N, C-alpha and C. Protein backbone atom coordinates (compact mmCIF):
# COMPACT_ATOMS: atom_id res chain seq x y z
N UNK A 1 39.44 31.34 43.62
CA UNK A 1 39.58 30.15 44.46
C UNK A 1 39.66 30.59 45.92
N UNK A 2 38.81 30.05 46.76
CA UNK A 2 38.82 30.47 48.16
C UNK A 2 40.07 29.97 48.87
N UNK A 3 40.53 30.77 49.84
CA UNK A 3 41.70 30.39 50.62
C UNK A 3 41.35 29.38 51.70
N UNK A 4 42.38 28.85 52.32
CA UNK A 4 42.18 27.85 53.36
C UNK A 4 41.46 28.44 54.56
N UNK A 5 41.75 29.72 54.88
CA UNK A 5 41.08 30.35 56.02
C UNK A 5 39.58 30.45 55.79
N UNK A 6 39.16 30.73 54.57
CA UNK A 6 37.74 30.81 54.26
C UNK A 6 37.06 29.46 54.44
N UNK A 7 37.74 28.39 54.03
CA UNK A 7 37.17 27.05 54.19
C UNK A 7 37.04 26.68 55.67
N UNK A 8 38.05 27.03 56.46
CA UNK A 8 38.00 26.70 57.89
C UNK A 8 36.86 27.45 58.55
N UNK A 9 36.71 28.73 58.23
CA UNK A 9 35.62 29.50 58.84
C UNK A 9 34.25 28.98 58.42
N UNK A 10 34.13 28.46 57.21
CA UNK A 10 32.85 27.93 56.74
C UNK A 10 32.49 26.63 57.46
N UNK A 11 33.50 25.84 57.84
CA UNK A 11 33.26 24.56 58.47
C UNK A 11 33.08 24.69 59.98
N UNK A 12 33.74 25.68 60.61
CA UNK A 12 33.67 25.84 62.06
C UNK A 12 32.24 26.12 62.50
N UNK A 13 31.79 25.45 63.54
CA UNK A 13 30.45 25.74 64.06
C UNK A 13 30.45 27.07 64.81
N UNK A 14 29.31 27.68 64.88
CA UNK A 14 29.18 28.92 65.63
C UNK A 14 29.27 28.60 67.13
N UNK A 15 29.86 29.49 67.86
CA UNK A 15 30.06 29.28 69.30
C UNK A 15 28.72 29.35 70.03
N UNK A 16 28.36 28.26 70.70
CA UNK A 16 27.10 28.20 71.44
C UNK A 16 27.31 28.63 72.89
N UNK A 17 28.55 28.62 73.37
CA UNK A 17 28.84 28.94 74.76
C UNK A 17 29.03 30.44 74.93
N UNK A 18 28.33 31.00 75.91
CA UNK A 18 28.51 32.42 76.25
C UNK A 18 29.74 32.53 77.14
N UNK A 19 30.78 33.15 76.65
CA UNK A 19 32.01 33.28 77.39
C UNK A 19 32.05 34.67 78.03
N UNK A 20 32.17 34.75 79.36
CA UNK A 20 32.25 36.07 79.99
C UNK A 20 33.59 36.73 79.68
N UNK A 21 33.65 38.03 79.89
CA UNK A 21 34.88 38.76 79.67
C UNK A 21 35.85 38.47 80.81
N UNK A 22 37.03 37.99 80.48
CA UNK A 22 38.09 37.81 81.47
C UNK A 22 39.42 37.97 80.76
N UNK A 23 40.43 38.31 81.55
CA UNK A 23 41.76 38.58 81.03
C UNK A 23 42.78 37.75 81.80
N UNK A 24 44.00 37.67 81.31
CA UNK A 24 45.05 37.01 82.10
C UNK A 24 45.22 37.70 83.44
N UNK A 25 45.38 36.90 84.48
CA UNK A 25 45.48 37.42 85.84
C UNK A 25 44.19 37.26 86.62
N UNK A 26 43.06 37.14 85.92
CA UNK A 26 41.78 36.96 86.61
C UNK A 26 41.67 35.54 87.14
N UNK A 27 40.89 35.37 88.19
CA UNK A 27 40.63 34.04 88.74
C UNK A 27 39.27 33.59 88.21
N UNK A 28 39.25 32.46 87.53
CA UNK A 28 38.00 31.94 86.95
C UNK A 28 37.76 30.53 87.42
N UNK A 29 36.52 30.09 87.27
CA UNK A 29 36.12 28.71 87.56
C UNK A 29 35.52 28.14 86.29
N UNK A 30 36.14 27.09 85.76
CA UNK A 30 35.71 26.44 84.53
C UNK A 30 35.02 25.14 84.89
N UNK A 31 33.79 24.96 84.43
CA UNK A 31 33.04 23.72 84.66
C UNK A 31 33.13 22.88 83.40
N UNK A 32 33.80 21.73 83.53
CA UNK A 32 34.01 20.84 82.40
C UNK A 32 33.12 19.61 82.54
N UNK A 33 32.53 19.17 81.42
CA UNK A 33 31.71 17.94 81.42
C UNK A 33 32.64 16.73 81.36
N UNK A 34 32.49 15.85 82.33
CA UNK A 34 33.28 14.61 82.39
C UNK A 34 32.31 13.46 82.21
N UNK A 35 32.60 12.58 81.25
CA UNK A 35 31.74 11.42 81.06
C UNK A 35 32.46 10.18 81.58
N UNK A 36 31.78 9.49 82.47
CA UNK A 36 32.30 8.25 83.06
C UNK A 36 31.32 7.15 82.73
N UNK A 37 31.63 6.40 81.72
CA UNK A 37 30.71 5.35 81.28
C UNK A 37 29.46 5.97 80.69
N UNK A 38 28.32 5.70 81.32
CA UNK A 38 27.06 6.26 80.81
C UNK A 38 26.66 7.53 81.56
N UNK A 39 27.42 7.89 82.59
CA UNK A 39 27.07 9.06 83.40
C UNK A 39 27.91 10.26 82.99
N UNK A 40 27.34 11.44 83.22
CA UNK A 40 28.06 12.68 83.01
C UNK A 40 27.99 13.52 84.26
N UNK A 41 29.07 14.24 84.55
CA UNK A 41 29.09 15.13 85.70
C UNK A 41 29.90 16.36 85.33
N UNK A 42 29.73 17.42 86.15
CA UNK A 42 30.49 18.65 85.97
C UNK A 42 31.63 18.68 86.97
N UNK A 43 32.82 18.99 86.50
CA UNK A 43 33.97 19.10 87.38
C UNK A 43 34.53 20.51 87.29
N UNK A 44 34.51 21.26 88.41
CA UNK A 44 35.04 22.62 88.37
C UNK A 44 36.56 22.63 88.48
N UNK A 45 37.18 23.62 87.84
CA UNK A 45 38.62 23.84 87.93
C UNK A 45 38.80 25.34 88.11
N UNK A 46 39.25 25.76 89.29
CA UNK A 46 39.37 27.17 89.61
C UNK A 46 40.84 27.55 89.70
N UNK A 47 41.20 28.62 89.01
CA UNK A 47 42.59 29.07 89.06
C UNK A 47 42.76 30.39 88.34
N UNK A 48 44.01 30.77 88.18
CA UNK A 48 44.38 32.04 87.57
C UNK A 48 44.60 31.83 86.08
N UNK A 49 44.08 32.74 85.27
CA UNK A 49 44.26 32.67 83.82
C UNK A 49 45.68 33.10 83.49
N UNK A 50 46.43 32.22 82.83
CA UNK A 50 47.78 32.56 82.39
C UNK A 50 47.78 33.11 80.97
N UNK A 51 46.94 32.55 80.11
CA UNK A 51 46.92 33.06 78.74
C UNK A 51 45.64 32.66 78.03
N UNK A 52 45.32 33.43 77.00
CA UNK A 52 44.25 33.12 76.07
C UNK A 52 44.87 33.06 74.69
N UNK A 53 44.43 32.13 73.88
CA UNK A 53 45.00 32.01 72.55
C UNK A 53 43.95 31.50 71.59
N UNK A 54 44.24 31.61 70.31
CA UNK A 54 43.35 31.12 69.28
C UNK A 54 42.25 32.10 68.96
N UNK A 55 41.42 31.70 68.02
CA UNK A 55 40.32 32.53 67.61
C UNK A 55 39.19 31.67 67.08
N UNK A 56 38.00 32.21 67.07
CA UNK A 56 36.85 31.47 66.57
C UNK A 56 36.52 30.29 67.45
N UNK A 57 36.31 29.14 66.83
CA UNK A 57 35.99 27.93 67.58
C UNK A 57 37.23 27.28 68.16
N UNK A 58 38.41 27.84 67.88
CA UNK A 58 39.66 27.27 68.39
C UNK A 58 40.23 28.05 69.55
N UNK A 59 39.40 28.80 70.26
CA UNK A 59 39.88 29.57 71.40
C UNK A 59 40.30 28.62 72.52
N UNK A 60 41.42 28.98 73.17
CA UNK A 60 41.94 28.18 74.27
C UNK A 60 42.27 29.11 75.42
N UNK A 61 42.20 28.57 76.63
CA UNK A 61 42.59 29.32 77.82
C UNK A 61 43.40 28.40 78.72
N UNK A 62 44.51 28.93 79.26
CA UNK A 62 45.35 28.17 80.17
C UNK A 62 45.12 28.68 81.57
N UNK A 63 44.77 27.77 82.49
CA UNK A 63 44.43 28.11 83.87
C UNK A 63 45.38 27.35 84.79
N UNK A 64 45.86 28.05 85.82
CA UNK A 64 46.80 27.43 86.77
C UNK A 64 46.24 27.53 88.18
N UNK A 65 46.38 26.44 88.93
CA UNK A 65 45.99 26.44 90.33
C UNK A 65 47.02 25.65 91.14
N UNK A 66 46.95 25.81 92.45
CA UNK A 66 47.82 25.07 93.36
C UNK A 66 46.96 24.00 94.03
N UNK A 67 47.30 22.73 93.84
CA UNK A 67 46.55 21.61 94.43
C UNK A 67 47.52 20.77 95.26
N UNK A 68 47.28 20.74 96.56
CA UNK A 68 48.11 19.97 97.50
C UNK A 68 49.57 20.40 97.43
N UNK A 69 49.80 21.70 97.25
CA UNK A 69 51.15 22.23 97.22
C UNK A 69 51.87 22.10 95.90
N UNK A 70 51.19 21.57 94.89
CA UNK A 70 51.79 21.37 93.57
C UNK A 70 51.02 22.21 92.57
N UNK A 71 51.74 22.91 91.70
CA UNK A 71 51.09 23.71 90.67
C UNK A 71 50.54 22.83 89.56
N UNK A 72 49.29 23.07 89.18
CA UNK A 72 48.63 22.31 88.13
C UNK A 72 48.13 23.29 87.08
N UNK A 73 48.49 23.05 85.82
CA UNK A 73 48.01 23.88 84.72
C UNK A 73 47.19 23.04 83.77
N UNK A 74 46.11 23.64 83.28
CA UNK A 74 45.29 22.96 82.28
C UNK A 74 45.00 23.94 81.17
N UNK A 75 44.99 23.46 79.96
CA UNK A 75 44.62 24.26 78.81
C UNK A 75 43.29 23.73 78.30
N UNK A 76 42.28 24.59 78.32
CA UNK A 76 40.93 24.20 77.94
C UNK A 76 40.59 24.76 76.56
N UNK A 77 40.11 23.94 75.65
CA UNK A 77 39.46 24.49 74.45
C UNK A 77 38.08 25.00 74.86
N UNK A 78 37.81 26.26 74.62
CA UNK A 78 36.61 26.88 75.19
C UNK A 78 35.30 26.37 74.59
N UNK A 79 35.35 25.78 73.41
CA UNK A 79 34.10 25.33 72.80
C UNK A 79 34.02 23.81 72.71
N UNK A 80 34.63 23.12 73.69
CA UNK A 80 34.59 21.67 73.69
C UNK A 80 34.51 21.18 75.13
N UNK A 81 33.42 20.56 75.50
CA UNK A 81 33.20 19.97 76.83
C UNK A 81 33.21 20.98 77.97
N UNK A 82 32.98 22.25 77.68
CA UNK A 82 32.90 23.26 78.72
C UNK A 82 31.44 23.63 78.89
N UNK A 83 30.94 23.49 80.12
CA UNK A 83 29.54 23.82 80.40
C UNK A 83 29.37 25.32 80.62
N UNK A 84 30.19 25.88 81.53
CA UNK A 84 30.12 27.32 81.78
C UNK A 84 31.41 27.79 82.42
N UNK A 85 31.58 29.11 82.42
CA UNK A 85 32.76 29.74 83.01
C UNK A 85 32.27 30.86 83.91
N UNK A 86 32.80 30.90 85.14
CA UNK A 86 32.46 31.96 86.08
C UNK A 86 33.72 32.75 86.40
N UNK A 87 33.61 34.06 86.44
CA UNK A 87 34.72 34.91 86.87
C UNK A 87 34.58 35.10 88.37
N UNK A 88 35.54 34.57 89.12
CA UNK A 88 35.51 34.64 90.58
C UNK A 88 36.02 35.99 91.05
N UNK A 89 37.13 36.44 90.47
CA UNK A 89 37.74 37.69 90.90
C UNK A 89 38.54 38.29 89.75
N UNK A 90 38.47 39.59 89.61
CA UNK A 90 39.24 40.28 88.58
C UNK A 90 40.50 40.86 89.20
N UNK A 91 41.61 40.71 88.51
CA UNK A 91 42.88 41.27 88.94
C UNK A 91 43.45 42.12 87.80
N UNK A 92 44.18 43.14 88.15
CA UNK A 92 44.81 43.95 87.12
C UNK A 92 46.31 43.68 87.13
N UNK A 93 46.80 43.20 86.02
CA UNK A 93 48.23 42.96 85.85
C UNK A 93 48.65 43.67 84.57
N UNK A 94 49.95 43.80 84.38
CA UNK A 94 50.42 44.61 83.26
C UNK A 94 51.03 43.79 82.14
N UNK A 95 50.82 42.50 82.13
CA UNK A 95 51.37 41.66 81.06
C UNK A 95 50.26 40.85 80.43
N UNK A 96 50.42 40.55 79.15
CA UNK A 96 49.42 39.77 78.45
C UNK A 96 49.53 38.29 78.80
N UNK A 97 50.74 37.81 79.07
CA UNK A 97 50.95 36.42 79.44
C UNK A 97 51.83 36.37 80.69
N UNK A 98 51.20 36.41 81.84
CA UNK A 98 51.96 36.53 83.10
C UNK A 98 52.53 35.21 83.57
N UNK A 99 53.55 34.71 82.89
CA UNK A 99 54.14 33.44 83.27
C UNK A 99 54.89 33.54 84.60
N UNK A 100 55.18 34.75 85.07
CA UNK A 100 55.81 34.91 86.37
C UNK A 100 54.90 34.42 87.49
N UNK A 101 53.60 34.26 87.23
CA UNK A 101 52.68 33.75 88.24
C UNK A 101 53.00 32.30 88.62
N UNK A 102 53.76 31.63 87.79
CA UNK A 102 54.15 30.25 88.12
C UNK A 102 55.05 30.23 89.35
N UNK A 103 55.77 31.32 89.59
CA UNK A 103 56.67 31.38 90.74
C UNK A 103 55.97 31.85 92.01
N UNK A 104 54.74 32.35 91.89
CA UNK A 104 54.01 32.85 93.03
C UNK A 104 53.28 31.68 93.69
N UNK A 105 53.48 31.50 95.00
CA UNK A 105 52.87 30.34 95.66
C UNK A 105 51.42 30.63 96.06
N UNK A 106 51.10 31.87 96.37
CA UNK A 106 49.73 32.22 96.76
C UNK A 106 49.05 32.94 95.60
N UNK A 107 48.57 32.18 94.64
CA UNK A 107 48.02 32.78 93.43
C UNK A 107 46.78 33.61 93.70
N UNK A 108 46.02 33.29 94.72
CA UNK A 108 44.78 34.03 94.97
C UNK A 108 45.04 35.33 95.72
N UNK A 109 46.30 35.66 95.97
CA UNK A 109 46.64 36.89 96.67
C UNK A 109 47.13 37.97 95.72
N UNK A 110 46.85 37.83 94.43
CA UNK A 110 47.27 38.85 93.46
C UNK A 110 46.48 40.11 93.75
N UNK A 111 47.12 41.22 93.74
CA UNK A 111 46.43 42.47 94.06
C UNK A 111 46.55 43.39 92.96
């Protein structure tokens, strides 16, 4: 009898999106498809990667940016409504989930 994991993998669609290599701490730009009525447009969201989670078609990435002096975080499912991802800048940090970046006001100044 097949396990539940085997059934999930059989049902999951293959990933059609080419995801570039990026790690937590990198600055990326995510282009998300937004549908407004009958129209569709791309909306970019640029920020620092706080974490990656999941596997297969359930991969998620959490991105944080500062907008008008307020920190904004979004968690994107990578295989749903994402057009493309660009790596703006690579940073080297020593943690897998750098939540301390929430306290940093100038996120683009990571060195």
